[in-house]
């Protein structure tokens, strides 16, 4: 059974940092590209960052370049999103997604709130 479980969200002040984790099970993790998406209240879900299966290639939304870093540990079946210099507009539910060809799996999401 495929599972993606996000953790690490919470309330943080502007300028602060958080590290999100997404633990995967039920599939061959290293064969899947992994992405982080986010969805703010009343807005469409947007792609934040993507990392290739072996972790050699990454891509970021312009809005988070230079502030967020995606990484993965294939030995632990986990993908991370390090978020620095957080802004109120980063407030959203953050989801991880596993992708390989026609196979896409989503986690349940973790809330990140940036507020003073």
C-alpha atoms as a PDB file:
ATOM      1  CA  UNK A   1       0.000   0.000   0.000  1.00  0.00           C
ATOM      2  CA  UNK A   2       1.458   3.336  -1.087  1.00  0.00           C
ATOM      3  CA  UNK A   3       1.819   5.935   1.657  1.00  0.00           C
ATOM      4  CA  UNK A   4       3.277   9.428   1.698  1.00  0.00           C
ATOM      5  CA  UNK A   5       3.279  11.066   5.119  1.00  0.00           C
ATOM      6  CA  UNK A   6       4.294  14.703   5.475  1.00  0.00           C
ATOM      7  CA  UNK A   7       5.480  16.238   8.729  1.00  0.00           C
ATOM      8  CA  UNK A   8       7.282  19.311  10.021  1.00  0.00           C
ATOM      9  CA  UNK A   9       4.696  21.982   9.388  1.00  0.00           C
ATOM     10  CA  UNK A  10       3.683  24.555  11.958  1.00  0.00           C
ATOM     11  CA  UNK A  11       3.567  28.221  12.848  1.00  0.00           C
ATOM     12  CA  UNK A  12       6.691  30.295  12.231  1.00  0.00           C
ATOM     13  CA  UNK A  13       7.457  34.009  12.248  1.00  0.00           C
ATOM     14  CA  UNK A  14       8.406  35.841   9.049  1.00  0.00           C
ATOM     15  CA  UNK A  15      12.086  35.300   8.324  1.00  0.00           C
ATOM     16  CA  UNK A  16      12.092  31.969  10.113  1.00  0.00           C
ATOM     17  CA  UNK A  17      12.800  28.459   8.871  1.00  0.00           C
ATOM     18  CA  UNK A  18      11.077  25.089   8.751  1.00  0.00           C
ATOM     19  CA  UNK A  19      12.052  21.719   7.367  1.00  0.00           C
ATOM     20  CA  UNK A  20       9.301  19.532   5.965  1.00  0.00           C
ATOM     21  CA  UNK A  21       9.689  15.784   5.611  1.00  0.00           C
ATOM     22  CA  UNK A  22       7.768  13.289   3.513  1.00  0.00           C
ATOM     23  CA  UNK A  23       8.198   9.626   4.394  1.00  0.00           C
ATOM     24  CA  UNK A  24       7.328   7.204   1.609  1.00  0.00           C
ATOM     25  CA  UNK A  25       6.439   3.518   1.631  1.00  0.00           C
ATOM     26  CA  UNK A  26       4.850   0.937  -0.617  1.00  0.00           C
ATOM     27  CA  UNK A  27       6.792   1.681  -3.799  1.00  0.00           C
ATOM     28  CA  UNK A  28      10.373   1.828  -5.092  1.00  0.00           C
ATOM     29  CA  UNK A  29      11.175   5.301  -3.835  1.00  0.00           C
ATOM     30  CA  UNK A  30      14.381   5.875  -5.814  1.00  0.00           C
ATOM     31  CA  UNK A  31      12.541   5.218  -9.103  1.00  0.00           C
ATOM     32  CA  UNK A  32      10.215   8.158  -8.563  1.00  0.00           C
ATOM     33  CA  UNK A  33      10.745  11.862  -8.956  1.00  0.00           C
ATOM     34  CA  UNK A  34       9.398  13.715  -5.944  1.00  0.00           C
ATOM     35  CA  UNK A  35       7.801  17.115  -5.740  1.00  0.00           C
ATOM     36  CA  UNK A  36       6.480  19.494  -3.158  1.00  0.00           C
ATOM     37  CA  UNK A  37       3.312  21.415  -3.942  1.00  0.00           C
ATOM     38  CA  UNK A  38       1.423  23.940  -1.875  1.00  0.00           C
ATOM     39  CA  UNK A  39      -2.113  25.239  -1.777  1.00  0.00           C
ATOM     40  CA  UNK A  40      -3.067  28.462  -0.058  1.00  0.00           C
ATOM     41  CA  UNK A  41      -6.624  29.045   1.053  1.00  0.00           C
ATOM     42  CA  UNK A  42      -8.792  29.970  -1.924  1.00  0.00           C
ATOM     43  CA  UNK A  43      -6.004  29.374  -4.441  1.00  0.00           C
ATOM     44  CA  UNK A  44      -5.018  26.593  -6.801  1.00  0.00           C
ATOM     45  CA  UNK A  45      -2.355  24.086  -5.866  1.00  0.00           C
ATOM     46  CA  UNK A  46       1.052  25.130  -7.192  1.00  0.00           C
ATOM     47  CA  UNK A  47       4.328  23.325  -7.782  1.00  0.00           C
ATOM     48  CA  UNK A  48       7.081  24.413  -5.407  1.00  0.00           C
ATOM     49  CA  UNK A  49      10.046  22.128  -6.121  1.00  0.00           C
ATOM     50  CA  UNK A  50      10.968  18.850  -7.806  1.00  0.00           C
ATOM     51  CA  UNK A  51      13.877  16.447  -7.418  1.00  0.00           C
ATOM     52  CA  UNK A  52      14.836  13.545  -9.656  1.00  0.00           C
ATOM     53  CA  UNK A  53      14.892   9.955  -8.473  1.00  0.00           C
ATOM     54  CA  UNK A  54      18.607   9.882  -7.776  1.00  0.00           C
ATOM     55  CA  UNK A  55      18.629  13.457  -6.522  1.00  0.00           C
ATOM     56  CA  UNK A  56      20.955  14.904  -9.140  1.00  0.00           C
ATOM     57  CA  UNK A  57      18.432  17.283 -10.662  1.00  0.00           C
ATOM     58  CA  UNK A  58      16.242  19.857  -8.936  1.00  0.00           C
ATOM     59  CA  UNK A  59      13.878  22.589 -10.044  1.00  0.00           C
ATOM     60  CA  UNK A  60      12.107  25.365  -8.180  1.00  0.00           C
ATOM     61  CA  UNK A  61       9.283  27.818  -8.603  1.00  0.00           C
ATOM     62  CA  UNK A  62      10.579  31.352  -9.075  1.00  0.00           C
ATOM     63  CA  UNK A  63       8.825  32.422  -5.891  1.00  0.00           C
ATOM     64  CA  UNK A  64      10.990  30.148  -3.714  1.00  0.00           C
ATOM     65  CA  UNK A  65      14.343  30.085  -5.551  1.00  0.00           C
ATOM     66  CA  UNK A  66      17.195  30.900  -3.217  1.00  0.00           C
ATOM     67  CA  UNK A  67      15.037  30.323  -0.123  1.00  0.00           C
ATOM     68  CA  UNK A  68      13.860  26.695  -0.366  1.00  0.00           C
ATOM     69  CA  UNK A  69      15.928  23.561  -0.916  1.00  0.00           C
ATOM     70  CA  UNK A  70      14.552  20.158  -1.869  1.00  0.00           C
ATOM     71  CA  UNK A  71      16.583  17.057  -1.053  1.00  0.00           C
ATOM     72  CA  UNK A  72      16.062  13.335  -0.620  1.00  0.00           C
ATOM     73  CA  UNK A  73      17.539  10.403   1.238  1.00  0.00           C
ATOM     74  CA  UNK A  74      16.799   7.258  -0.732  1.00  0.00           C
ATOM     75  CA  UNK A  75      18.121   5.059   2.079  1.00  0.00           C
ATOM     76  CA  UNK A  76      15.390   6.488   4.315  1.00  0.00           C
ATOM     77  CA  UNK A  77      12.711   6.799   1.612  1.00  0.00           C
ATOM     78  CA  UNK A  78      12.271  10.414   2.585  1.00  0.00           C
ATOM     79  CA  UNK A  79      12.175  13.722   0.746  1.00  0.00           C
ATOM     80  CA  UNK A  80      12.728  17.043   2.476  1.00  0.00           C
ATOM     81  CA  UNK A  81      11.942  20.682   1.893  1.00  0.00           C
ATOM     82  CA  UNK A  82      14.149  23.127   3.775  1.00  0.00           C
ATOM     83  CA  UNK A  83      12.388  26.486   3.869  1.00  0.00           C
ATOM     84  CA  UNK A  84      14.330  29.581   4.902  1.00  0.00           C
ATOM     85  CA  UNK A  85      13.478  33.286   4.974  1.00  0.00           C
ATOM     86  CA  UNK A  86       9.807  32.430   5.155  1.00  0.00           C
ATOM     87  CA  UNK A  87       7.239  35.026   4.153  1.00  0.00           C
ATOM     88  CA  UNK A  88       3.545  35.339   5.010  1.00  0.00           C
ATOM     89  CA  UNK A  89       2.759  34.454   1.386  1.00  0.00           C
ATOM     90  CA  UNK A  90       4.367  31.046   1.945  1.00  0.00           C
ATOM     91  CA  UNK A  91       1.408  30.153   4.182  1.00  0.00           C
ATOM     92  CA  UNK A  92      -0.283  27.089   2.696  1.00  0.00           C
ATOM     93  CA  UNK A  93      -0.858  23.388   3.025  1.00  0.00           C
ATOM     94  CA  UNK A  94       2.230  21.659   1.655  1.00  0.00           C
ATOM     95  CA  UNK A  95       1.911  18.316  -0.133  1.00  0.00           C
ATOM     96  CA  UNK A  96       4.480  15.869  -1.407  1.00  0.00           C
ATOM     97  CA  UNK A  97       3.928  13.959  -4.630  1.00  0.00           C
ATOM     98  CA  UNK A  98       5.628  10.927  -6.139  1.00  0.00           C
ATOM     99  CA  UNK A  99       5.716  10.662  -9.916  1.00  0.00           C
ATOM    100  CA  UNK A 100       6.774   8.012 -12.407  1.00  0.00           C
ATOM    101  CA  UNK A 101       5.209   7.877 -15.856  1.00  0.00           C
ATOM    102  CA  UNK A 102       1.443   7.487 -15.301  1.00  0.00           C
ATOM    103  CA  UNK A 103       1.811   6.753 -11.579  1.00  0.00           C
ATOM    104  CA  UNK A 104       1.248   9.705  -9.271  1.00  0.00           C
ATOM    105  CA  UNK A 105       0.803   9.519  -5.496  1.00  0.00           C
ATOM    106  CA  UNK A 106      -0.041  12.314  -3.053  1.00  0.00           C
ATOM    107  CA  UNK A 107       0.429  12.793   0.650  1.00  0.00           C
ATOM    108  CA  UNK A 108      -2.232  14.237   2.953  1.00  0.00           C
ATOM    109  CA  UNK A 109      -0.490  17.583   3.457  1.00  0.00           C
ATOM    110  CA  UNK A 110       0.969  19.577   6.327  1.00  0.00           C
ATOM    111  CA  UNK A 111       0.006  23.122   7.253  1.00  0.00           C
ATOM    112  CA  UNK A 112       2.630  25.872   7.224  1.00  0.00           C
ATOM    113  CA  UNK A 113       1.615  29.226   8.658  1.00  0.00           C
ATOM    114  CA  UNK A 114       3.960  32.221   8.516  1.00  0.00           C
ATOM    115  CA  UNK A 115       2.728  34.962  10.806  1.00  0.00           C
ATOM    116  CA  UNK A 116       3.920  37.288  13.532  1.00  0.00           C
END
